[in-house]
C-alpha atoms as a PDB file:
ATOM      1  CA  MET A   1    -107.821   4.514  73.293  1.00  0.00           C
ATOM      2  CA  ARG A   2    -104.768   5.581  75.297  1.00  0.00           C
ATOM      3  CA  GLN A   3    -106.314   4.401  78.568  1.00  0.00           C
ATOM      4  CA  TRP A   4    -107.131   1.057  76.989  1.00  0.00           C
ATOM      5  CA  LEU A   5    -103.496   0.611  75.876  1.00  0.00           C
ATOM      6  CA  ILE A   6    -102.236   1.586  79.331  1.00  0.00           C
ATOM      7  CA  GLY A   7    -104.586  -0.956  80.920  1.00  0.00           C
ATOM      8  CA  LEU A   8    -103.442  -3.631  78.474  1.00  0.00           C
ATOM      9  CA  GLY A   9     -99.788  -2.816  79.228  1.00  0.00           C
ATOM     10  CA  ILE A  10    -100.381  -3.051  82.981  1.00  0.00           C
ATOM     11  CA  ALA A  11    -102.173  -6.388  82.546  1.00  0.00           C
ATOM     12  CA  LEU A  12     -99.276  -7.709  80.437  1.00  0.00           C
ATOM     13  CA  VAL A  13     -96.699  -6.614  83.034  1.00  0.00           C
ATOM     14  CA  CYS A  14     -98.747  -8.253  85.808  1.00  0.00           C
ATOM     15  CA  LEU A  15     -98.962 -11.480  83.799  1.00  0.00           C
ATOM     16  CA  ILE A  16     -95.198 -11.554  83.212  1.00  0.00           C
ATOM     17  CA  VAL A  17     -94.498 -10.873  86.899  1.00  0.00           C
ATOM     18  CA  LEU A  18     -96.937 -13.630  87.893  1.00  0.00           C
ATOM     19  CA  TRP A  19     -95.223 -16.087  85.530  1.00  0.00           C
ATOM     20  CA  GLY A  20     -91.857 -15.129  87.009  1.00  0.00           C
ATOM     21  CA  VAL A  21     -93.105 -15.729  90.549  1.00  0.00           C
ATOM     22  CA  LEU A  22     -94.566 -19.092  89.537  1.00  0.00           C
ATOM     23  CA  VAL A  23     -91.287 -20.132  87.900  1.00  0.00           C
ATOM     24  CA  LEU A  24     -89.337 -19.176  91.024  1.00  0.00           C
ATOM     25  CA  LEU A  25     -91.758 -21.064  93.262  1.00  0.00           C
ATOM     26  CA  ALA A  26     -91.681 -24.117  90.979  1.00  0.00           C
ATOM     27  CA  ARG A  27     -87.880 -24.258  91.174  1.00  0.00           C
ATOM     28  CA  ARG A  28     -88.110 -24.469  94.964  1.00  0.00           C
ATOM     29  CA  LEU A  29     -90.249 -27.621  94.873  1.00  0.00           C
ATOM     30  CA  PRO A  30     -88.573 -30.742  96.231  1.00  0.00           C
ATOM     31  CA  PRO A  31     -87.767 -33.482  93.715  1.00  0.00           C
ATOM     32  CA  GLY A  32     -90.700 -35.783  93.077  1.00  0.00           C
ATOM     33  CA  LEU A  33     -93.916 -36.177  91.134  1.00  0.00           C
ATOM     34  CA  LEU A  34     -95.168 -32.620  91.733  1.00  0.00           C
ATOM     35  CA  ARG A  35     -91.940 -31.117  90.412  1.00  0.00           C
ATOM     36  CA  ASP A  36     -92.051 -33.464  87.405  1.00  0.00           C
ATOM     37  CA  LEU A  37     -95.574 -32.274  86.606  1.00  0.00           C
ATOM     38  CA  VAL A  38     -94.563 -28.619  86.883  1.00  0.00           C
ATOM     39  CA  GLU A  39     -91.612 -29.189  84.553  1.00  0.00           C
ATOM     40  CA  PHE A  40     -93.629 -31.311  82.120  1.00  0.00           C
ATOM     41  CA  ILE A  41     -94.793 -28.544  79.746  1.00  0.00           C
ATOM     42  CA  PRO A  42     -91.339 -26.933  79.311  1.00  0.00           C
ATOM     43  CA  HIS A  43     -89.834 -30.396  78.764  1.00  0.00           C
ATOM     44  CA  LEU A  44     -92.563 -31.186  76.234  1.00  0.00           C
ATOM     45  CA  VAL A  45     -91.838 -28.002  74.281  1.00  0.00           C
ATOM     46  CA  THR A  46     -88.114 -28.781  74.259  1.00  0.00           C
ATOM     47  CA  ALA A  47     -88.695 -32.388  73.168  1.00  0.00           C
ATOM     48  CA  VAL A  48     -91.054 -31.362  70.341  1.00  0.00           C
ATOM     49  CA  ARG A  49     -88.519 -28.800  69.139  1.00  0.00           C
ATOM     50  CA  ARG A  50     -85.737 -31.403  69.163  1.00  0.00           C
ATOM     51  CA  LEU A  51     -87.833 -34.105  67.482  1.00  0.00           C
ATOM     52  CA  ARG A  52     -89.060 -31.704  64.800  1.00  0.00           C
ATOM     53  CA  GLY A  53     -85.498 -31.363  63.505  1.00  0.00           C
ATOM     54  CA  ASP A  54     -84.582 -35.050  63.787  1.00  0.00           C
ATOM     55  CA  GLU A  55     -84.556 -36.936  60.473  1.00  0.00           C
ATOM     56  CA  ARG A  56     -85.194 -40.273  62.256  1.00  0.00           C
ATOM     57  CA  VAL A  57     -88.705 -39.103  63.175  1.00  0.00           C
ATOM     58  CA  PRO A  58     -91.410 -39.800  60.558  1.00  0.00           C
ATOM     59  CA  ARG A  59     -93.474 -36.854  59.361  1.00  0.00           C
ATOM     60  CA  ARG A  60     -96.730 -38.211  60.847  1.00  0.00           C
ATOM     61  CA  ALA A  61     -95.141 -38.422  64.313  1.00  0.00           C
ATOM     62  CA  LYS A  62     -93.857 -34.853  63.959  1.00  0.00           C
ATOM     63  CA  VAL A  63     -97.363 -33.704  63.049  1.00  0.00           C
ATOM     64  CA  ALA A  64     -98.888 -35.535  66.058  1.00  0.00           C
ATOM     65  CA  LEU A  65     -96.364 -33.966  68.447  1.00  0.00           C
ATOM     66  CA  LEU A  66     -96.839 -30.525  66.926  1.00  0.00           C
ATOM     67  CA  VAL A  67    -100.632 -30.832  67.278  1.00  0.00           C
ATOM     68  CA  ALA A  68    -100.169 -31.791  70.949  1.00  0.00           C
ATOM     69  CA  ALA A  69     -97.878 -28.813  71.576  1.00  0.00           C
ATOM     70  CA  VAL A  70    -100.304 -26.420  69.865  1.00  0.00           C
ATOM     71  CA  TRP A  71    -103.201 -27.923  71.829  1.00  0.00           C
ATOM     72  CA  VAL A  72    -101.388 -27.295  75.116  1.00  0.00           C
ATOM     73  CA  ALA A  73    -100.442 -23.742  74.135  1.00  0.00           C
ATOM     74  CA  SER A  74    -103.904 -22.896  72.805  1.00  0.00           C
ATOM     75  CA  PRO A  75    -106.168 -20.827  75.050  1.00  0.00           C
ATOM     76  CA  ILE A  76    -109.185 -22.753  73.698  1.00  0.00           C
ATOM     77  CA  ASP A  77    -109.832 -25.933  75.669  1.00  0.00           C
ATOM     78  CA  LEU A  78    -112.549 -28.523  76.061  1.00  0.00           C
ATOM     79  CA  ILE A  79    -112.248 -28.096  79.832  1.00  0.00           C
ATOM     80  CA  PRO A  80    -111.371 -24.559  81.022  1.00  0.00           C
ATOM     81  CA  GLU A  81    -107.974 -24.319  82.736  1.00  0.00           C
ATOM     82  CA  PHE A  82    -109.311 -22.376  85.717  1.00  0.00           C
ATOM     83  CA  LEU A  83    -111.201 -25.440  86.998  1.00  0.00           C
ATOM     84  CA  PRO A  84    -109.072 -27.024  89.718  1.00  0.00           C
ATOM     85  CA  VAL A  85    -107.631 -30.472  89.052  1.00  0.00           C
ATOM     86  CA  ILE A  86    -109.704 -31.258  85.944  1.00  0.00           C
ATOM     87  CA  GLY A  87    -108.768 -28.050  84.069  1.00  0.00           C
ATOM     88  CA  PRO A  88    -105.539 -29.345  82.528  1.00  0.00           C
ATOM     89  CA  LEU A  89    -106.986 -32.845  82.027  1.00  0.00           C
ATOM     90  CA  ASP A  90    -107.707 -32.432  78.307  1.00  0.00           C
ATOM     91  CA  ASP A  91    -104.148 -31.167  77.736  1.00  0.00           C
ATOM     92  CA  ILE A  92    -102.668 -34.133  79.560  1.00  0.00           C
ATOM     93  CA  VAL A  93    -104.806 -36.633  77.630  1.00  0.00           C
ATOM     94  CA  VAL A  94    -103.911 -35.115  74.243  1.00  0.00           C
ATOM     95  CA  VAL A  95    -100.193 -35.036  75.085  1.00  0.00           C
ATOM     96  CA  ALA A  96    -100.217 -38.590  76.430  1.00  0.00           C
ATOM     97  CA  LEU A  97    -101.964 -39.861  73.290  1.00  0.00           C
ATOM     98  CA  ALA A  98     -99.540 -38.005  71.001  1.00  0.00           C
ATOM     99  CA  LEU A  99     -96.511 -39.308  72.919  1.00  0.00           C
ATOM    100  CA  ARG A 100     -97.826 -42.870  72.860  1.00  0.00           C
ATOM    101  CA  TYR A 101     -98.434 -42.572  69.107  1.00  0.00           C
ATOM    102  CA  ALA A 102     -94.933 -41.200  68.589  1.00  0.00           C
ATOM    103  CA  GLY A 103     -93.617 -43.995  70.803  1.00  0.00           C
ATOM    104  CA  ARG A 104     -95.027 -46.541  68.345  1.00  0.00           C
ATOM    105  CA  THR A 105     -93.515 -44.866  65.262  1.00  0.00           C
ATOM    106  CA  VAL A 106     -90.232 -43.474  66.604  1.00  0.00           C
ATOM    107  CA  PRO A 107     -87.454 -45.536  68.190  1.00  0.00           C
ATOM    108  CA  ARG A 108     -87.635 -45.161  71.961  1.00  0.00           C
ATOM    109  CA  GLU A 109     -83.975 -44.099  72.149  1.00  0.00           C
ATOM    110  CA  VAL A 110     -84.747 -41.105  69.910  1.00  0.00           C
ATOM    111  CA  LEU A 111     -87.615 -40.011  72.184  1.00  0.00           C
ATOM    112  CA  LEU A 112     -85.503 -40.454  75.312  1.00  0.00           C
ATOM    113  CA  ASP A 113     -82.620 -38.502  73.761  1.00  0.00           C
ATOM    114  CA  ALA A 114     -84.968 -35.617  72.943  1.00  0.00           C
ATOM    115  CA  TRP A 115     -86.576 -35.559  76.417  1.00  0.00           C
ATOM    116  CA  PRO A 116     -84.633 -33.117  78.663  1.00  0.00           C
ATOM    117  CA  GLY A 117     -86.285 -34.153  81.922  1.00  0.00           C
ATOM    118  CA  ASN A 118     -86.527 -37.263  84.019  1.00  0.00           C
ATOM    119  CA  PRO A 119     -86.674 -40.191  81.565  1.00  0.00           C
ATOM    120  CA  GLN A 120     -88.833 -42.189  83.991  1.00  0.00           C
ATOM    121  CA  LEU A 121     -91.712 -39.746  83.494  1.00  0.00           C
ATOM    122  CA  LEU A 122     -91.555 -40.214  79.723  1.00  0.00           C
ATOM    123  CA  GLU A 123     -91.279 -43.999  80.153  1.00  0.00           C
ATOM    124  CA  ARG A 124     -94.478 -43.953  82.247  1.00  0.00           C
ATOM    125  CA  LEU A 125     -96.296 -41.968  79.568  1.00  0.00           C
ATOM    126  CA  LEU A 126     -95.080 -44.177  76.733  1.00  0.00           C
ATOM    127  CA  GLY A 127     -95.992 -47.389  78.507  1.00  0.00           C
ATOM    128  CA  PRO A 128     -94.156 -50.677  78.148  1.00  0.00           C
ATOM    129  CA  GLU A 129     -91.996 -51.124  75.080  1.00  0.00           C
ATOM    130  CA  ARG A 130     -93.616 -53.361  72.506  1.00  0.00           C
ATOM    131  CA  SER A 131     -91.698 -56.580  71.970  1.00  0.00           C
ATOM    132  CA  GLY A 132     -92.589 -56.829  68.260  1.00  0.00           C
ATOM    133  CA  GLU A 133     -90.510 -53.768  67.358  1.00  0.00           C
END
């Protein structure tokens, strides 16, 4: 049992070190689409946290955003993450659908205020603003 715990501890330390290296490498990326994609998940988590506490956001939009955040964080996926290019595709589709749904039920200014990153990326995901609103 002790050897198993030591192995688990070593694996956890390696995972944390790997995440740290990836964060450092991601910060060195030049501005552009690739950097926006790398920063997307942390920005999503921040936006969901901010919107969850905002009284202007209807409950059903909060639930949709929370489901999207849990889906992204979940280790269970329709398409395994280790597959290059298509691995994160299911996460991206779920998040895009949740953001577009929230964009129909929440004023766009509220979404843009909650989004900590480049607002153009969120605008692309939300699509054109509906004129009937």
